[in-house]
PDB file of N, CA and C in Angstrom:
ATOM      1  N   MET A   1      52.176  77.907 139.958  1.00  0.00           N
ATOM      2  CA  MET A   1      52.782  76.761 140.318  1.00  0.00           C
ATOM      3  C   MET A   1      51.547  75.660 140.634  1.00  0.00           C
ATOM      4  N   SER A   2      51.710  74.626 139.693  1.00  0.00           N
ATOM      5  CA  SER A   2      50.791  73.399 140.063  1.00  0.00           C
ATOM      6  C   SER A   2      51.345  72.618 140.979  1.00  0.00           C
ATOM      7  N   ARG A   3      50.494  72.388 142.314  1.00  0.00           N
ATOM      8  CA  ARG A   3      51.016  71.277 143.112  1.00  0.00           C
ATOM      9  C   ARG A   3      50.217  70.302 143.599  1.00  0.00           C
ATOM     10  N   HIS A   4      50.721  69.157 144.187  1.00  0.00           N
ATOM     11  CA  HIS A   4      49.896  68.047 144.528  1.00  0.00           C
ATOM     12  C   HIS A   4      50.312  67.452 146.062  1.00  0.00           C
ATOM     13  N   THR A   5      49.357  67.213 146.747  1.00  0.00           N
ATOM     14  CA  THR A   5      49.736  66.610 148.006  1.00  0.00           C
ATOM     15  C   THR A   5      49.331  65.210 148.064  1.00  0.00           C
ATOM     16  N   ILE A   6      50.442  64.533 148.884  1.00  0.00           N
ATOM     17  CA  ILE A   6      50.340  63.070 148.864  1.00  0.00           C
ATOM     18  C   ILE A   6      50.325  62.806 150.406  1.00  0.00           C
ATOM     19  N   ALA A   7      49.964  61.634 150.780  1.00  0.00           N
ATOM     20  CA  ALA A   7      50.236  61.139 152.124  1.00  0.00           C
ATOM     21  C   ALA A   7      50.573  59.721 152.200  1.00  0.00           C
ATOM     22  N   PHE A   8      51.445  59.188 153.041  1.00  0.00           N
ATOM     23  CA  PHE A   8      51.903  57.955 153.337  1.00  0.00           C
ATOM     24  C   PHE A   8      52.095  57.712 154.797  1.00  0.00           C
ATOM     25  N   ARG A   9      52.155  56.229 154.985  1.00  0.00           N
ATOM     26  CA  ARG A   9      52.454  55.850 156.357  1.00  0.00           C
ATOM     27  C   ARG A   9      53.713  54.883 156.598  1.00  0.00           C
ATOM     28  N   MET A  10      54.521  55.140 157.431  1.00  0.00           N
ATOM     29  CA  MET A  10      55.592  54.433 157.732  1.00  0.00           C
ATOM     30  C   MET A  10      55.459  53.847 159.120  1.00  0.00           C
ATOM     31  N   MET A  11      56.409  52.932 159.566  1.00  0.00           N
ATOM     32  CA  MET A  11      56.399  52.312 160.792  1.00  0.00           C
ATOM     33  C   MET A  11      58.026  52.753 161.707  1.00  0.00           C
ATOM     34  N   LEU A  12      57.593  53.183 162.899  1.00  0.00           N
ATOM     35  CA  LEU A  12      59.004  53.654 163.578  1.00  0.00           C
ATOM     36  C   LEU A  12      58.939  52.315 164.491  1.00  0.00           C
ATOM     37  N   ASN A  13      60.238  51.964 164.825  1.00  0.00           N
ATOM     38  CA  ASN A  13      60.340  50.856 165.782  1.00  0.00           C
ATOM     39  C   ASN A  13      60.114  51.290 167.110  1.00  0.00           C
ATOM     40  N   ALA A  14      59.714  50.391 167.966  1.00  0.00           N
ATOM     41  CA  ALA A  14      59.057  50.892 169.410  1.00  0.00           C
ATOM     42  C   ALA A  14      60.280  51.425 170.238  1.00  0.00           C
ATOM     43  N   GLY A  15      59.831  52.506 170.928  1.00  0.00           N
ATOM     44  CA  GLY A  15      60.683  53.306 171.758  1.00  0.00           C
ATOM     45  C   GLY A  15      61.864  54.218 171.055  1.00  0.00           C
ATOM     46  N   GLN A  16      61.463  54.535 169.767  1.00  0.00           N
ATOM     47  CA  GLN A  16      62.472  55.373 169.043  1.00  0.00           C
ATOM     48  C   GLN A  16      61.970  56.555 168.621  1.00  0.00           C
ATOM     49  N   ALA A  17      60.865  57.229 169.165  1.00  0.00           N
ATOM     50  CA  ALA A  17      60.158  58.462 168.955  1.00  0.00           C
ATOM     51  C   ALA A  17      61.213  59.596 168.929  1.00  0.00           C
ATOM     52  N   ASP A  18      61.918  59.452 170.515  1.00  0.00           N
ATOM     53  CA  ASP A  18      62.822  60.767 170.651  1.00  0.00           C
ATOM     54  C   ASP A  18      63.972  60.698 169.584  1.00  0.00           C
ATOM     55  N   GLU A  19      64.470  59.549 169.316  1.00  0.00           N
ATOM     56  CA  GLU A  19      65.614  59.603 168.360  1.00  0.00           C
ATOM     57  C   GLU A  19      65.188  59.921 167.056  1.00  0.00           C
ATOM     58  N   TYR A  20      64.097  59.546 166.754  1.00  0.00           N
ATOM     59  CA  TYR A  20      63.495  59.868 165.384  1.00  0.00           C
ATOM     60  C   TYR A  20      63.276  61.390 165.205  1.00  0.00           C
ATOM     61  N   ARG A  21      62.687  62.011 166.287  1.00  0.00           N
ATOM     62  CA  ARG A  21      62.563  63.627 166.230  1.00  0.00           C
ATOM     63  C   ARG A  21      64.028  64.169 166.357  1.00  0.00           C
ATOM     64  N   ARG A  22      64.738  63.505 167.206  1.00  0.00           N
ATOM     65  CA  ARG A  22      66.198  64.306 167.104  1.00  0.00           C
ATOM     66  C   ARG A  22      66.816  64.361 165.924  1.00  0.00           C
ATOM     67  N   ARG A  23      66.797  63.186 165.132  1.00  0.00           N
ATOM     68  CA  ARG A  23      67.537  63.045 163.887  1.00  0.00           C
ATOM     69  C   ARG A  23      66.867  64.033 162.852  1.00  0.00           C
ATOM     70  N   HIS A  24      65.634  64.153 162.918  1.00  0.00           N
ATOM     71  CA  HIS A  24      65.060  65.247 162.058  1.00  0.00           C
ATOM     72  C   HIS A  24      64.949  66.473 162.285  1.00  0.00           C
ATOM     73  N   ASN A  25      65.067  66.668 163.516  1.00  0.00           N
ATOM     74  CA  ASN A  25      65.461  68.330 164.037  1.00  0.00           C
ATOM     75  C   ASN A  25      66.852  68.640 163.480  1.00  0.00           C
ATOM     76  N   ALA A  26      67.604  67.556 163.303  1.00  0.00           N
ATOM     77  CA  ALA A  26      68.872  67.987 162.815  1.00  0.00           C
ATOM     78  C   ALA A  26      69.186  67.340 161.319  1.00  0.00           C
ATOM     79  N   ILE A  27      68.064  67.591 160.612  1.00  0.00           N
ATOM     80  CA  ILE A  27      68.319  67.207 159.089  1.00  0.00           C
ATOM     81  C   ILE A  27      69.416  67.984 158.540  1.00  0.00           C
ATOM     82  N   TRP A  28      70.020  67.120 157.582  1.00  0.00           N
ATOM     83  CA  TRP A  28      71.247  67.612 157.113  1.00  0.00           C
ATOM     84  C   TRP A  28      70.840  68.907 156.426  1.00  0.00           C
ATOM     85  N   PRO A  29      71.329  70.032 156.109  1.00  0.00           N
ATOM     86  CA  PRO A  29      71.032  71.218 155.491  1.00  0.00           C
ATOM     87  C   PRO A  29      71.175  70.747 153.987  1.00  0.00           C
ATOM     88  N   GLU A  30      72.130  69.857 153.528  1.00  0.00           N
ATOM     89  CA  GLU A  30      72.075  69.599 152.187  1.00  0.00           C
ATOM     90  C   GLU A  30      70.933  68.733 151.655  1.00  0.00           C
ATOM     91  N   LEU A  31      70.381  67.974 152.730  1.00  0.00           N
ATOM     92  CA  LEU A  31      69.365  67.091 152.298  1.00  0.00           C
ATOM     93  C   LEU A  31      67.992  68.069 152.295  1.00  0.00           C
ATOM     94  N   ALA A  32      67.739  68.843 153.293  1.00  0.00           N
ATOM     95  CA  ALA A  32      66.674  69.797 153.025  1.00  0.00           C
ATOM     96  C   ALA A  32      66.798  70.695 151.820  1.00  0.00           C
ATOM     97  N   ALA A  33      67.863  71.028 151.472  1.00  0.00           N
ATOM     98  CA  ALA A  33      67.929  71.860 150.168  1.00  0.00           C
ATOM     99  C   ALA A  33      67.791  71.125 149.101  1.00  0.00           C
ATOM    100  N   ALA A  34      68.199  69.764 148.963  1.00  0.00           N
ATOM    101  CA  ALA A  34      67.707  68.819 148.046  1.00  0.00           C
ATOM    102  C   ALA A  34      66.223  68.668 147.738  1.00  0.00           C
ATOM    103  N   LEU A  35      65.493  68.384 148.981  1.00  0.00           N
ATOM    104  CA  LEU A  35      64.099  68.240 148.840  1.00  0.00           C
ATOM    105  C   LEU A  35      63.500  69.513 148.402  1.00  0.00           C
ATOM    106  N   ARG A  36      63.840  70.466 148.852  1.00  0.00           N
ATOM    107  CA  ARG A  36      63.240  71.669 148.190  1.00  0.00           C
ATOM    108  C   ARG A  36      63.664  71.996 146.754  1.00  0.00           C
ATOM    109  N   GLU A  37      64.777  71.744 146.238  1.00  0.00           N
ATOM    110  CA  GLU A  37      65.338  71.735 144.838  1.00  0.00           C
ATOM    111  C   GLU A  37      64.409  70.647 143.935  1.00  0.00           C
ATOM    112  N   ALA A  38      64.183  69.695 144.564  1.00  0.00           N
ATOM    113  CA  ALA A  38      63.397  68.566 143.893  1.00  0.00           C
ATOM    114  C   ALA A  38      61.791  68.829 143.801  1.00  0.00           C
ATOM    115  N   GLY A  39      61.331  69.791 144.378  1.00  0.00           N
ATOM    116  CA  GLY A  39      59.958  70.313 144.134  1.00  0.00           C
ATOM    117  C   GLY A  39      59.186  70.204 145.476  1.00  0.00           C
ATOM    118  N   VAL A  40      59.728  69.878 146.449  1.00  0.00           N
ATOM    119  CA  VAL A  40      59.014  69.516 147.805  1.00  0.00           C
ATOM    120  C   VAL A  40      58.592  70.977 148.424  1.00  0.00           C
ATOM    121  N   ILE A  41      57.431  71.206 148.375  1.00  0.00           N
ATOM    122  CA  ILE A  41      56.974  72.431 149.010  1.00  0.00           C
ATOM    123  C   ILE A  41      56.747  72.495 150.418  1.00  0.00           C
ATOM    124  N   ASP A  42      55.930  71.189 151.099  1.00  0.00           N
ATOM    125  CA  ASP A  42      56.065  71.143 152.531  1.00  0.00           C
ATOM    126  C   ASP A  42      55.778  69.844 152.760  1.00  0.00           C
ATOM    127  N   TYR A  43      56.640  69.316 153.722  1.00  0.00           N
ATOM    128  CA  TYR A  43      56.548  67.984 154.230  1.00  0.00           C
ATOM    129  C   TYR A  43      56.443  67.834 155.756  1.00  0.00           C
ATOM    130  N   ARG A  44      55.474  67.401 156.197  1.00  0.00           N
ATOM    131  CA  ARG A  44      55.255  67.122 157.712  1.00  0.00           C
ATOM    132  C   ARG A  44      54.999  65.503 157.929  1.00  0.00           C
ATOM    133  N   ILE A  45      55.548  65.143 159.201  1.00  0.00           N
ATOM    134  CA  ILE A  45      55.479  63.759 159.620  1.00  0.00           C
ATOM    135  C   ILE A  45      54.825  63.918 160.943  1.00  0.00           C
ATOM    136  N   PHE A  46      54.007  63.018 161.192  1.00  0.00           N
ATOM    137  CA  PHE A  46      53.274  62.949 162.525  1.00  0.00           C
ATOM    138  C   PHE A  46      53.374  61.658 162.946  1.00  0.00           C
ATOM    139  N   LEU A  47      53.308  61.367 164.287  1.00  0.00           N
ATOM    140  CA  LEU A  47      53.496  60.106 165.066  1.00  0.00           C
ATOM    141  C   LEU A  47      52.340  59.527 165.575  1.00  0.00           C
ATOM    142  N   ASP A  48      51.763  58.496 165.470  1.00  0.00           N
ATOM    143  CA  ASP A  48      50.728  57.848 166.344  1.00  0.00           C
ATOM    144  C   ASP A  48      51.465  57.084 167.631  1.00  0.00           C
ATOM    145  N   PRO A  49      51.426  57.724 168.634  1.00  0.00           N
ATOM    146  CA  PRO A  49      52.320  57.110 169.767  1.00  0.00           C
ATOM    147  C   PRO A  49      52.040  55.898 170.307  1.00  0.00           C
ATOM    148  N   ASP A  50      50.504  55.465 170.094  1.00  0.00           N
ATOM    149  CA  ASP A  50      50.095  54.306 170.440  1.00  0.00           C
ATOM    150  C   ASP A  50      50.560  52.981 169.613  1.00  0.00           C
ATOM    151  N   ASP A  51      51.033  53.125 168.348  1.00  0.00           N
ATOM    152  CA  ASP A  51      51.214  52.023 167.484  1.00  0.00           C
ATOM    153  C   ASP A  51      52.645  52.330 166.822  1.00  0.00           C
ATOM    154  N   GLY A  52      53.125  53.352 166.801  1.00  0.00           N
ATOM    155  CA  GLY A  52      54.364  53.722 166.265  1.00  0.00           C
ATOM    156  C   GLY A  52      54.179  54.084 164.727  1.00  0.00           C
ATOM    157  N   HIS A  53      53.082  54.292 164.175  1.00  0.00           N
ATOM    158  CA  HIS A  53      52.908  54.458 162.872  1.00  0.00           C
ATOM    159  C   HIS A  53      53.177  56.035 162.566  1.00  0.00           C
ATOM    160  N   LEU A  54      53.854  56.228 161.600  1.00  0.00           N
ATOM    161  CA  LEU A  54      54.283  57.725 161.087  1.00  0.00           C
ATOM    162  C   LEU A  54      53.477  58.164 159.873  1.00  0.00           C
ATOM    163  N   PHE A  55      52.773  59.063 160.065  1.00  0.00           N
ATOM    164  CA  PHE A  55      52.012  59.602 158.883  1.00  0.00           C
ATOM    165  C   PHE A  55      52.446  60.806 158.411  1.00  0.00           C
ATOM    166  N   ALA A  56      52.822  60.634 157.014  1.00  0.00           N
ATOM    167  CA  ALA A  56      53.618  61.827 156.439  1.00  0.00           C
ATOM    168  C   ALA A  56      52.508  62.505 155.317  1.00  0.00           C
ATOM    169  N   VAL A  57      52.766  63.786 155.225  1.00  0.00           N
ATOM    170  CA  VAL A  57      52.010  64.475 154.448  1.00  0.00           C
ATOM    171  C   VAL A  57      53.051  65.403 153.602  1.00  0.00           C
ATOM    172  N   MET A  58      53.120  65.311 152.215  1.00  0.00           N
ATOM    173  CA  MET A  58      53.874  66.151 151.329  1.00  0.00           C
ATOM    174  C   MET A  58      53.224  66.736 150.382  1.00  0.00           C
ATOM    175  N   THR A  59      53.410  68.019 150.157  1.00  0.00           N
ATOM    176  CA  THR A  59      53.024  68.743 149.016  1.00  0.00           C
ATOM    177  C   THR A  59      54.160  68.863 148.134  1.00  0.00           C
ATOM    178  N   ARG A  60      54.034  68.711 146.834  1.00  0.00           N
ATOM    179  CA  ARG A  60      55.188  68.952 145.907  1.00  0.00           C
ATOM    180  C   ARG A  60      54.362  69.407 144.668  1.00  0.00           C
ATOM    181  N   GLU A  61      55.595  69.922 143.808  1.00  0.00           N
ATOM    182  CA  GLU A  61      55.259  70.473 142.503  1.00  0.00           C
ATOM    183  C   GLU A  61      54.655  69.240 141.778  1.00  0.00           C
ATOM    184  N   MET A  62      53.954  69.635 140.832  1.00  0.00           N
ATOM    185  CA  MET A  62      53.355  68.606 139.840  1.00  0.00           C
ATOM    186  C   MET A  62      54.666  67.816 139.117  1.00  0.00           C
ATOM    187  N   ASP A  63      55.513  68.731 138.678  1.00  0.00           N
ATOM    188  CA  ASP A  63      56.699  68.498 138.075  1.00  0.00           C
ATOM    189  C   ASP A  63      57.863  68.048 138.940  1.00  0.00           C
ATOM    190  N   HIS A  64      57.610  67.599 139.864  1.00  0.00           N
ATOM    191  CA  HIS A  64      58.629  67.407 140.858  1.00  0.00           C
ATOM    192  C   HIS A  64      59.886  66.346 140.338  1.00  0.00           C
ATOM    193  N   ARG A  65      60.831  66.361 141.108  1.00  0.00           N
ATOM    194  CA  ARG A  65      62.159  65.668 140.688  1.00  0.00           C
ATOM    195  C   ARG A  65      62.586  64.905 141.877  1.00  0.00           C
ATOM    196  N   LEU A  66      61.552  64.198 142.564  1.00  0.00           N
ATOM    197  CA  LEU A  66      61.813  63.502 143.509  1.00  0.00           C
ATOM    198  C   LEU A  66      62.531  62.095 143.180  1.00  0.00           C
ATOM    199  N   GLY A  67      62.214  61.629 141.997  1.00  0.00           N
ATOM    200  CA  GLY A  67      62.500  60.237 141.413  1.00  0.00           C
ATOM    201  C   GLY A  67      64.171  60.246 141.547  1.00  0.00           C
ATOM    202  N   PRO A  68      64.952  61.150 140.773  1.00  0.00           N
ATOM    203  CA  PRO A  68      66.369  61.093 140.825  1.00  0.00           C
ATOM    204  C   PRO A  68      66.717  61.281 142.248  1.00  0.00           C
ATOM    205  N   LEU A  69      66.159  61.928 142.943  1.00  0.00           N
ATOM    206  CA  LEU A  69      66.807  62.311 144.513  1.00  0.00           C
ATOM    207  C   LEU A  69      66.770  61.009 145.181  1.00  0.00           C
ATOM    208  N   ARG A  70      65.620  60.184 145.017  1.00  0.00           N
ATOM    209  CA  ARG A  70      65.551  58.835 145.745  1.00  0.00           C
ATOM    210  C   ARG A  70      66.714  58.070 145.232  1.00  0.00           C
ATOM    211  N   ASP A  71      67.277  58.188 144.187  1.00  0.00           N
ATOM    212  CA  ASP A  71      68.381  57.363 143.732  1.00  0.00           C
ATOM    213  C   ASP A  71      69.765  57.924 144.144  1.00  0.00           C
ATOM    214  N   SER A  72      69.691  59.143 144.781  1.00  0.00           N
ATOM    215  CA  SER A  72      71.131  59.816 144.948  1.00  0.00           C
ATOM    216  C   SER A  72      71.864  59.162 146.394  1.00  0.00           C
ATOM    217  N   ASP A  73      73.154  59.455 146.132  1.00  0.00           N
ATOM    218  CA  ASP A  73      73.826  58.920 147.346  1.00  0.00           C
ATOM    219  C   ASP A  73      73.489  59.791 148.722  1.00  0.00           C
ATOM    220  N   LEU A  74      73.244  61.030 148.571  1.00  0.00           N
ATOM    221  CA  LEU A  74      72.649  61.717 149.596  1.00  0.00           C
ATOM    222  C   LEU A  74      71.524  61.073 150.427  1.00  0.00           C
ATOM    223  N   MET A  75      70.317  60.688 149.498  1.00  0.00           N
ATOM    224  CA  MET A  75      69.229  60.095 150.060  1.00  0.00           C
ATOM    225  C   MET A  75      69.649  58.631 150.704  1.00  0.00           C
ATOM    226  N   ARG A  76      70.524  57.994 149.942  1.00  0.00           N
ATOM    227  CA  ARG A  76      70.769  56.630 150.529  1.00  0.00           C
ATOM    228  C   ARG A  76      71.528  56.627 151.806  1.00  0.00           C
ATOM    229  N   ARG A  77      72.367  57.767 151.956  1.00  0.00           N
ATOM    230  CA  ARG A  77      73.152  57.924 153.231  1.00  0.00           C
ATOM    231  C   ARG A  77      72.077  58.053 154.375  1.00  0.00           C
ATOM    232  N   TRP A  78      71.045  58.953 154.067  1.00  0.00           N
ATOM    233  CA  TRP A  78      70.175  59.320 155.049  1.00  0.00           C
ATOM    234  C   TRP A  78      69.249  58.069 155.473  1.00  0.00           C
ATOM    235  N   TRP A  79      68.969  57.281 154.394  1.00  0.00           N
ATOM    236  CA  TRP A  79      68.100  56.152 154.865  1.00  0.00           C
ATOM    237  C   TRP A  79      68.886  55.211 155.588  1.00  0.00           C
ATOM    238  N   ALA A  80      70.302  54.991 155.222  1.00  0.00           N
ATOM    239  CA  ALA A  80      71.102  54.062 156.074  1.00  0.00           C
ATOM    240  C   ALA A  80      71.154  54.582 157.540  1.00  0.00           C
ATOM    241  N   MET A  81      71.112  55.905 157.813  1.00  0.00           N
ATOM    242  CA  MET A  81      71.275  56.253 159.167  1.00  0.00           C
ATOM    243  C   MET A  81      70.017  56.292 159.851  1.00  0.00           C
ATOM    244  N   MET A  82      68.796  55.977 159.136  1.00  0.00           N
ATOM    245  CA  MET A  82      67.478  55.912 159.821  1.00  0.00           C
ATOM    246  C   MET A  82      67.011  54.543 159.893  1.00  0.00           C
ATOM    247  N   ALA A  83      67.680  53.710 159.062  1.00  0.00           N
ATOM    248  CA  ALA A  83      67.394  52.335 159.093  1.00  0.00           C
ATOM    249  C   ALA A  83      67.237  51.434 160.458  1.00  0.00           C
ATOM    250  N   ASP A  84      68.011  52.149 161.553  1.00  0.00           N
ATOM    251  CA  ASP A  84      68.017  51.192 162.691  1.00  0.00           C
ATOM    252  C   ASP A  84      66.834  51.530 163.500  1.00  0.00           C
ATOM    253  N   ILE A  85      66.153  52.501 163.232  1.00  0.00           N
ATOM    254  CA  ILE A  85      64.915  52.982 164.052  1.00  0.00           C
ATOM    255  C   ILE A  85      63.629  52.808 163.432  1.00  0.00           C
ATOM    256  N   MET A  86      63.578  52.336 162.181  1.00  0.00           N
ATOM    257  CA  MET A  86      62.360  52.113 161.525  1.00  0.00           C
ATOM    258  C   MET A  86      62.246  51.017 160.670  1.00  0.00           C
ATOM    259  N   ALA A  87      61.176  50.707 160.182  1.00  0.00           N
ATOM    260  CA  ALA A  87      60.698  49.631 159.046  1.00  0.00           C
ATOM    261  C   ALA A  87      61.310  49.969 157.745  1.00  0.00           C
ATOM    262  N   THR A  88      62.336  49.161 157.263  1.00  0.00           N
ATOM    263  CA  THR A  88      62.729  49.724 155.872  1.00  0.00           C
ATOM    264  C   THR A  88      62.998  48.358 154.999  1.00  0.00           C
ATOM    265  N   HIS A  89      62.975  48.507 153.741  1.00  0.00           N
ATOM    266  CA  HIS A  89      63.310  47.391 152.695  1.00  0.00           C
ATOM    267  C   HIS A  89      64.758  47.135 152.816  1.00  0.00           C
ATOM    268  N   PRO A  90      65.289  46.198 152.153  1.00  0.00           N
ATOM    269  CA  PRO A  90      66.797  45.818 152.118  1.00  0.00           C
ATOM    270  C   PRO A  90      67.563  46.730 151.788  1.00  0.00           C
ATOM    271  N   ASP A  91      67.076  47.791 151.016  1.00  0.00           N
ATOM    272  CA  ASP A  91      68.024  48.955 150.503  1.00  0.00           C
ATOM    273  C   ASP A  91      67.985  50.202 151.361  1.00  0.00           C
ATOM    274  N   ASP A  92      67.370  49.872 152.613  1.00  0.00           N
ATOM    275  CA  ASP A  92      67.222  50.692 153.742  1.00  0.00           C
ATOM    276  C   ASP A  92      66.282  51.799 153.326  1.00  0.00           C
ATOM    277  N   SER A  93      65.555  51.979 152.303  1.00  0.00           N
ATOM    278  CA  SER A  93      64.475  52.739 151.913  1.00  0.00           C
ATOM    279  C   SER A  93      63.368  52.612 153.014  1.00  0.00           C
ATOM    280  N   PRO A  94      62.640  53.539 153.594  1.00  0.00           N
ATOM    281  CA  PRO A  94      61.486  53.150 154.476  1.00  0.00           C
ATOM    282  C   PRO A  94      60.619  52.606 153.770  1.00  0.00           C
ATOM    283  N   ILE A  95      59.752  51.599 154.170  1.00  0.00           N
ATOM    284  CA  ILE A  95      58.577  50.849 153.868  1.00  0.00           C
ATOM    285  C   ILE A  95      57.497  52.097 153.913  1.00  0.00           C
ATOM    286  N   GLU A  96      56.826  52.131 152.762  1.00  0.00           N
ATOM    287  CA  GLU A  96      55.841  53.350 152.728  1.00  0.00           C
ATOM    288  C   GLU A  96      54.605  52.875 152.337  1.00  0.00           C
ATOM    289  N   GLN A  97      53.610  53.143 152.966  1.00  0.00           N
ATOM    290  CA  GLN A  97      52.190  52.697 152.549  1.00  0.00           C
ATOM    291  C   GLN A  97      51.547  53.749 152.208  1.00  0.00           C
ATOM    292  N   PRO A  98      51.230  53.885 150.589  1.00  0.00           N
ATOM    293  CA  PRO A  98      50.489  54.938 150.364  1.00  0.00           C
ATOM    294  C   PRO A  98      49.084  55.132 150.818  1.00  0.00           C
ATOM    295  N   LEU A  99      48.568  56.361 151.213  1.00  0.00           N
ATOM    296  CA  LEU A  99      47.148  56.486 151.753  1.00  0.00           C
ATOM    297  C   LEU A  99      46.328  57.219 150.678  1.00  0.00           C
ATOM    298  N   LEU A 100      45.138  56.705 150.505  1.00  0.00           N
ATOM    299  CA  LEU A 100      44.209  57.433 149.403  1.00  0.00           C
ATOM    300  C   LEU A 100      43.589  58.399 150.034  1.00  0.00           C
ATOM    301  N   PRO A 101      43.470  59.490 149.005  1.00  0.00           N
ATOM    302  CA  PRO A 101      42.667  60.769 149.524  1.00  0.00           C
ATOM    303  C   PRO A 101      41.225  60.469 149.780  1.00  0.00           C
ATOM    304  N   MET A 102      40.708  60.937 150.831  1.00  0.00           N
ATOM    305  CA  MET A 102      39.238  60.797 151.145  1.00  0.00           C
ATOM    306  C   MET A 102      38.497  62.140 151.326  1.00  0.00           C
ATOM    307  N   PHE A 103      38.911  63.145 151.738  1.00  0.00           N
ATOM    308  CA  PHE A 103      38.556  64.327 152.052  1.00  0.00           C
ATOM    309  C   PHE A 103      39.433  65.622 152.088  1.00  0.00           C
ATOM    310  N   ALA A 104      39.174  66.515 151.597  1.00  0.00           N
ATOM    311  CA  ALA A 104      39.917  67.941 151.787  1.00  0.00           C
ATOM    312  C   ALA A 104      39.125  69.094 151.742  1.00  0.00           C
ATOM    313  N   LEU A 105      39.398  69.767 152.566  1.00  0.00           N
ATOM    314  CA  LEU A 105      38.789  71.113 152.836  1.00  0.00           C
ATOM    315  C   LEU A 105      39.868  72.200 152.715  1.00  0.00           C
ATOM    316  N   GLU A 106      39.751  73.199 151.674  1.00  0.00           N
ATOM    317  CA  GLU A 106      40.898  74.072 151.447  1.00  0.00           C
ATOM    318  C   GLU A 106      40.266  75.299 151.586  1.00  0.00           C
ATOM    319  N   ALA A 107      41.123  76.319 151.862  1.00  0.00           N
ATOM    320  CA  ALA A 107      40.666  77.692 152.293  1.00  0.00           C
ATOM    321  C   ALA A 107      40.370  78.482 150.789  1.00  0.00           C
TER     322      ALA A 107
END
């Protein structure tokens, strides 16, 4: 299986760290399954508590199917639920800043 890791940054609204963690700890089982079915192998999100930036690292299959998932009702419902606690576009999708790979050390 060929895979690829990407990273991106998002922005959490001030004072929303606990709520963000709570919502993600209770991720809908159907959304977690849809992410796996779309080719997500590993997905981690970290918070910089000093400025509210969220740093996401996602490893996915090279032939992932995330495009159609982004257009699904399921994903749009998740985004709508998260829109009150983070920076989003008018369609409620999170504002994501892609990060450029600069170094990797692999086993």
